[in-house]
Amino acid sequence: MAGVPMSTQWEPAGHYYPIQIAQFGLSHYSKQIVEGDPEVTTLLSGNDLDLDRWLVASKTTVHSLFDKMRLSDVIEFQSSGWLW
């Protein structure tokens, strides 16, 4: 749960409070209402990539496939969890 606030007030391992999670979600929702949709910058397109030249770990696969929601090609990574 990346970005969700975790409290470490009583124990070092941390724990989630439902109220903190709700406040986190509401603040991000309010920000979107006020500022509108975020500006999207495409750093790398899945179109016309030579994925055979990419260096990936031995248990990793990389594919370019069409995403119907985005109406664009996307790059899909699959890994075993360990990258060596």
N, C-alpha and C. Protein backbone atom coordinates (compact mmCIF):
# COMPACT_ATOMS: atom_id res chain seq x y z
N MET A 1 0.85 -1.17 0.00
CA MET A 1 0.00 0.00 0.00
C MET A 1 0.89 1.23 0.00
N ALA A 2 1.42 1.55 -1.13
CA ALA A 2 2.35 2.67 -1.26
C ALA A 2 1.65 3.99 -1.01
N GLY A 3 2.24 4.81 -0.17
CA GLY A 3 1.74 6.14 0.07
C GLY A 3 0.69 6.23 1.16
N VAL A 4 0.11 5.12 1.58
CA VAL A 4 -0.91 5.16 2.63
C VAL A 4 -0.21 5.35 3.97
N PRO A 5 -0.68 6.30 4.78
CA PRO A 5 0.01 6.58 6.04
C PRO A 5 -0.03 5.40 7.01
N MET A 6 1.10 5.17 7.65
CA MET A 6 1.21 4.10 8.64
C MET A 6 1.68 4.72 9.95
N SER A 7 1.01 4.36 11.02
CA SER A 7 1.37 4.90 12.32
C SER A 7 2.41 4.01 12.99
N THR A 8 3.43 4.62 13.54
CA THR A 8 4.44 3.88 14.31
C THR A 8 4.47 4.40 15.74
N GLN A 9 3.33 4.90 16.19
CA GLN A 9 3.26 5.53 17.50
C GLN A 9 3.54 4.55 18.64
N TRP A 10 2.98 3.34 18.56
CA TRP A 10 3.11 2.40 19.67
C TRP A 10 3.98 1.18 19.36
N GLU A 11 4.25 0.93 18.10
CA GLU A 11 5.09 -0.22 17.77
C GLU A 11 5.91 0.09 16.53
N PRO A 12 7.17 -0.31 16.51
CA PRO A 12 8.06 0.02 15.39
C PRO A 12 7.62 -0.57 14.05
N ALA A 13 6.92 -1.71 14.09
CA ALA A 13 6.49 -2.34 12.84
C ALA A 13 5.43 -1.51 12.13
N GLY A 14 4.70 -0.70 12.88
CA GLY A 14 3.69 0.16 12.30
C GLY A 14 2.37 -0.55 12.09
N HIS A 15 1.32 0.23 12.00
CA HIS A 15 -0.01 -0.30 11.74
C HIS A 15 -0.85 0.79 11.09
N TYR A 16 -1.94 0.38 10.43
CA TYR A 16 -2.81 1.30 9.72
C TYR A 16 -4.02 1.65 10.58
N TYR A 17 -4.39 2.91 10.58
CA TYR A 17 -5.62 3.36 11.22
C TYR A 17 -6.64 3.64 10.13
N PRO A 18 -7.86 3.10 10.26
CA PRO A 18 -8.89 3.36 9.24
C PRO A 18 -9.16 4.86 9.03
N ILE A 19 -9.14 5.63 10.10
CA ILE A 19 -9.40 7.07 9.98
C ILE A 19 -8.31 7.75 9.16
N GLN A 20 -7.04 7.38 9.40
CA GLN A 20 -5.94 7.96 8.62
C GLN A 20 -6.07 7.59 7.15
N ILE A 21 -6.45 6.35 6.87
CA ILE A 21 -6.60 5.92 5.48
C ILE A 21 -7.73 6.69 4.82
N ALA A 22 -8.84 6.88 5.54
CA ALA A 22 -9.96 7.65 4.99
C ALA A 22 -9.56 9.10 4.72
N GLN A 23 -8.84 9.71 5.65
CA GLN A 23 -8.38 11.09 5.46
C GLN A 23 -7.43 11.19 4.27
N PHE A 24 -6.56 10.22 4.12
CA PHE A 24 -5.62 10.17 3.00
C PHE A 24 -6.40 10.13 1.68
N GLY A 25 -7.39 9.23 1.59
CA GLY A 25 -8.18 9.10 0.37
C GLY A 25 -8.99 10.36 0.08
N LEU A 26 -9.61 10.93 1.11
CA LEU A 26 -10.41 12.14 0.91
C LEU A 26 -9.56 13.32 0.49
N SER A 27 -8.36 13.44 1.04
CA SER A 27 -7.51 14.57 0.65
C SER A 27 -7.10 14.45 -0.81
N HIS A 28 -6.80 13.24 -1.27
CA HIS A 28 -6.44 13.07 -2.67
C HIS A 28 -7.64 13.28 -3.59
N TYR A 29 -8.82 12.83 -3.16
CA TYR A 29 -10.03 13.05 -3.93
C TYR A 29 -10.33 14.54 -4.03
N SER A 30 -10.24 15.26 -2.90
CA SER A 30 -10.49 16.70 -2.90
C SER A 30 -9.50 17.43 -3.80
N LYS A 31 -8.24 17.01 -3.77
CA LYS A 31 -7.23 17.63 -4.63
C LYS A 31 -7.59 17.46 -6.10
N GLN A 32 -8.08 16.27 -6.46
CA GLN A 32 -8.45 16.05 -7.86
C GLN A 32 -9.66 16.90 -8.25
N ILE A 33 -10.63 17.05 -7.34
CA ILE A 33 -11.81 17.87 -7.62
C ILE A 33 -11.40 19.32 -7.86
N VAL A 34 -10.51 19.84 -7.02
CA VAL A 34 -10.08 21.24 -7.12
C VAL A 34 -9.16 21.46 -8.32
N GLU A 35 -8.18 20.59 -8.50
CA GLU A 35 -7.16 20.80 -9.54
C GLU A 35 -7.49 20.12 -10.86
N GLY A 36 -8.46 19.22 -10.86
CA GLY A 36 -8.78 18.48 -12.09
C GLY A 36 -7.85 17.30 -12.27
N ASP A 37 -8.01 16.63 -13.39
CA ASP A 37 -7.18 15.46 -13.66
C ASP A 37 -5.71 15.87 -13.77
N PRO A 38 -4.82 15.00 -13.30
CA PRO A 38 -3.40 15.33 -13.39
C PRO A 38 -2.91 15.32 -14.83
N GLU A 39 -1.88 16.09 -15.09
CA GLU A 39 -1.28 16.10 -16.42
C GLU A 39 -0.47 14.82 -16.59
N VAL A 40 -0.71 14.13 -17.68
CA VAL A 40 -0.03 12.87 -17.94
C VAL A 40 1.10 13.11 -18.92
N THR A 41 2.28 12.67 -18.56
CA THR A 41 3.45 12.78 -19.43
C THR A 41 3.92 11.37 -19.77
N THR A 42 3.93 11.05 -21.03
CA THR A 42 4.39 9.74 -21.47
C THR A 42 5.90 9.79 -21.62
N LEU A 43 6.58 9.02 -20.79
CA LEU A 43 8.04 8.98 -20.87
C LEU A 43 8.52 7.97 -21.90
N LEU A 44 7.75 6.90 -22.05
CA LEU A 44 8.14 5.85 -22.97
C LEU A 44 6.87 5.20 -23.48
N SER A 45 6.70 5.16 -24.76
CA SER A 45 5.51 4.57 -25.35
C SER A 45 5.77 3.10 -25.64
N GLY A 46 4.73 2.30 -25.56
CA GLY A 46 4.85 0.89 -25.88
C GLY A 46 4.85 0.63 -27.37
N ASN A 47 4.64 1.67 -28.16
CA ASN A 47 4.59 1.53 -29.61
C ASN A 47 5.99 1.45 -30.20
N ASP A 48 6.17 0.55 -31.13
CA ASP A 48 7.40 0.45 -31.92
C ASP A 48 8.67 0.35 -31.07
N LEU A 49 8.63 -0.42 -30.01
CA LEU A 49 9.82 -0.61 -29.20
C LEU A 49 10.51 -1.91 -29.60
N ASP A 50 11.81 -1.89 -29.56
CA ASP A 50 12.58 -3.10 -29.82
C ASP A 50 12.89 -3.74 -28.47
N LEU A 51 11.92 -4.49 -27.94
CA LEU A 51 12.06 -5.07 -26.60
C LEU A 51 13.13 -6.16 -26.55
N ASP A 52 13.52 -6.69 -27.70
CA ASP A 52 14.57 -7.71 -27.72
C ASP A 52 15.92 -7.15 -27.27
N ARG A 53 16.09 -5.85 -27.36
CA ARG A 53 17.37 -5.22 -26.97
C ARG A 53 17.41 -4.86 -25.49
N TRP A 54 16.28 -4.99 -24.78
CA TRP A 54 16.24 -4.64 -23.36
C TRP A 54 16.98 -5.70 -22.55
N LEU A 55 17.71 -5.27 -21.54
CA LEU A 55 18.39 -6.18 -20.63
C LEU A 55 17.49 -6.42 -19.42
N VAL A 56 17.08 -7.67 -19.24
CA VAL A 56 16.22 -8.02 -18.11
C VAL A 56 16.80 -9.25 -17.41
N ALA A 57 16.39 -9.45 -16.17
CA ALA A 57 16.86 -10.61 -15.41
C ALA A 57 16.38 -11.90 -16.05
N SER A 58 17.03 -12.99 -15.71
CA SER A 58 16.75 -14.28 -16.36
C SER A 58 15.32 -14.76 -16.15
N LYS A 59 14.69 -14.43 -15.03
CA LYS A 59 13.33 -14.89 -14.76
C LYS A 59 12.29 -13.80 -15.02
N THR A 60 12.61 -12.86 -15.88
CA THR A 60 11.73 -11.74 -16.17
C THR A 60 11.36 -11.76 -17.65
N THR A 61 10.08 -11.44 -17.93
CA THR A 61 9.64 -11.31 -19.32
C THR A 61 9.09 -9.91 -19.53
N VAL A 62 9.24 -9.41 -20.73
CA VAL A 62 8.75 -8.08 -21.11
C VAL A 62 7.99 -8.23 -22.42
N HIS A 63 6.75 -7.74 -22.44
CA HIS A 63 5.92 -7.82 -23.64
C HIS A 63 5.28 -6.47 -23.90
N SER A 64 5.07 -6.16 -25.15
CA SER A 64 4.29 -4.99 -25.54
C SER A 64 2.92 -5.50 -25.97
N LEU A 65 1.85 -4.94 -25.38
CA LEU A 65 0.51 -5.37 -25.74
C LEU A 65 -0.44 -4.19 -25.75
N PHE A 66 -1.56 -4.34 -26.45
CA PHE A 66 -2.52 -3.25 -26.60
C PHE A 66 -3.45 -3.22 -25.39
N ASP A 67 -3.63 -2.03 -24.80
CA ASP A 67 -4.53 -1.83 -23.66
C ASP A 67 -5.77 -1.12 -24.18
N LYS A 68 -6.93 -1.79 -24.09
CA LYS A 68 -8.18 -1.23 -24.62
C LYS A 68 -8.62 0.03 -23.88
N MET A 69 -8.35 0.11 -22.56
CA MET A 69 -8.74 1.30 -21.80
C MET A 69 -7.93 2.51 -22.22
N ARG A 70 -6.64 2.34 -22.45
CA ARG A 70 -5.76 3.46 -22.80
C ARG A 70 -5.71 3.70 -24.30
N LEU A 71 -6.24 2.74 -25.07
CA LEU A 71 -6.19 2.80 -26.53
C LEU A 71 -4.76 3.00 -27.01
N SER A 72 -3.86 2.25 -26.38
CA SER A 72 -2.45 2.38 -26.69
C SER A 72 -1.74 1.09 -26.31
N ASP A 73 -0.56 0.92 -26.86
CA ASP A 73 0.26 -0.20 -26.44
C ASP A 73 0.87 0.12 -25.08
N VAL A 74 1.01 -0.89 -24.25
CA VAL A 74 1.66 -0.74 -22.95
C VAL A 74 2.74 -1.81 -22.83
N ILE A 75 3.64 -1.62 -21.91
CA ILE A 75 4.71 -2.59 -21.68
C ILE A 75 4.37 -3.36 -20.42
N GLU A 76 4.31 -4.68 -20.53
CA GLU A 76 3.99 -5.54 -19.40
C GLU A 76 5.25 -6.27 -18.94
N PHE A 77 5.53 -6.15 -17.64
CA PHE A 77 6.68 -6.83 -17.04
C PHE A 77 6.16 -7.96 -16.16
N GLN A 78 6.79 -9.11 -16.22
CA GLN A 78 6.48 -10.21 -15.31
C GLN A 78 7.78 -10.72 -14.72
N SER A 79 7.77 -10.88 -13.40
CA SER A 79 8.99 -11.30 -12.71
C SER A 79 8.65 -12.36 -11.67
N SER A 80 9.62 -13.14 -11.31
CA SER A 80 9.42 -14.18 -10.29
C SER A 80 9.40 -13.59 -8.88
N GLY A 81 9.69 -12.33 -8.74
CA GLY A 81 9.81 -11.71 -7.43
C GLY A 81 11.26 -11.48 -7.05
N TRP A 82 12.13 -12.37 -7.47
CA TRP A 82 13.58 -12.21 -7.29
C TRP A 82 14.15 -11.88 -8.65
N LEU A 83 14.93 -10.84 -8.72
CA LEU A 83 15.43 -10.38 -10.02
C LEU A 83 16.84 -10.86 -10.32
N TRP A 84 17.32 -11.87 -9.67
CA TRP A 84 18.63 -12.40 -9.99
C TRP A 84 18.54 -13.88 -10.20
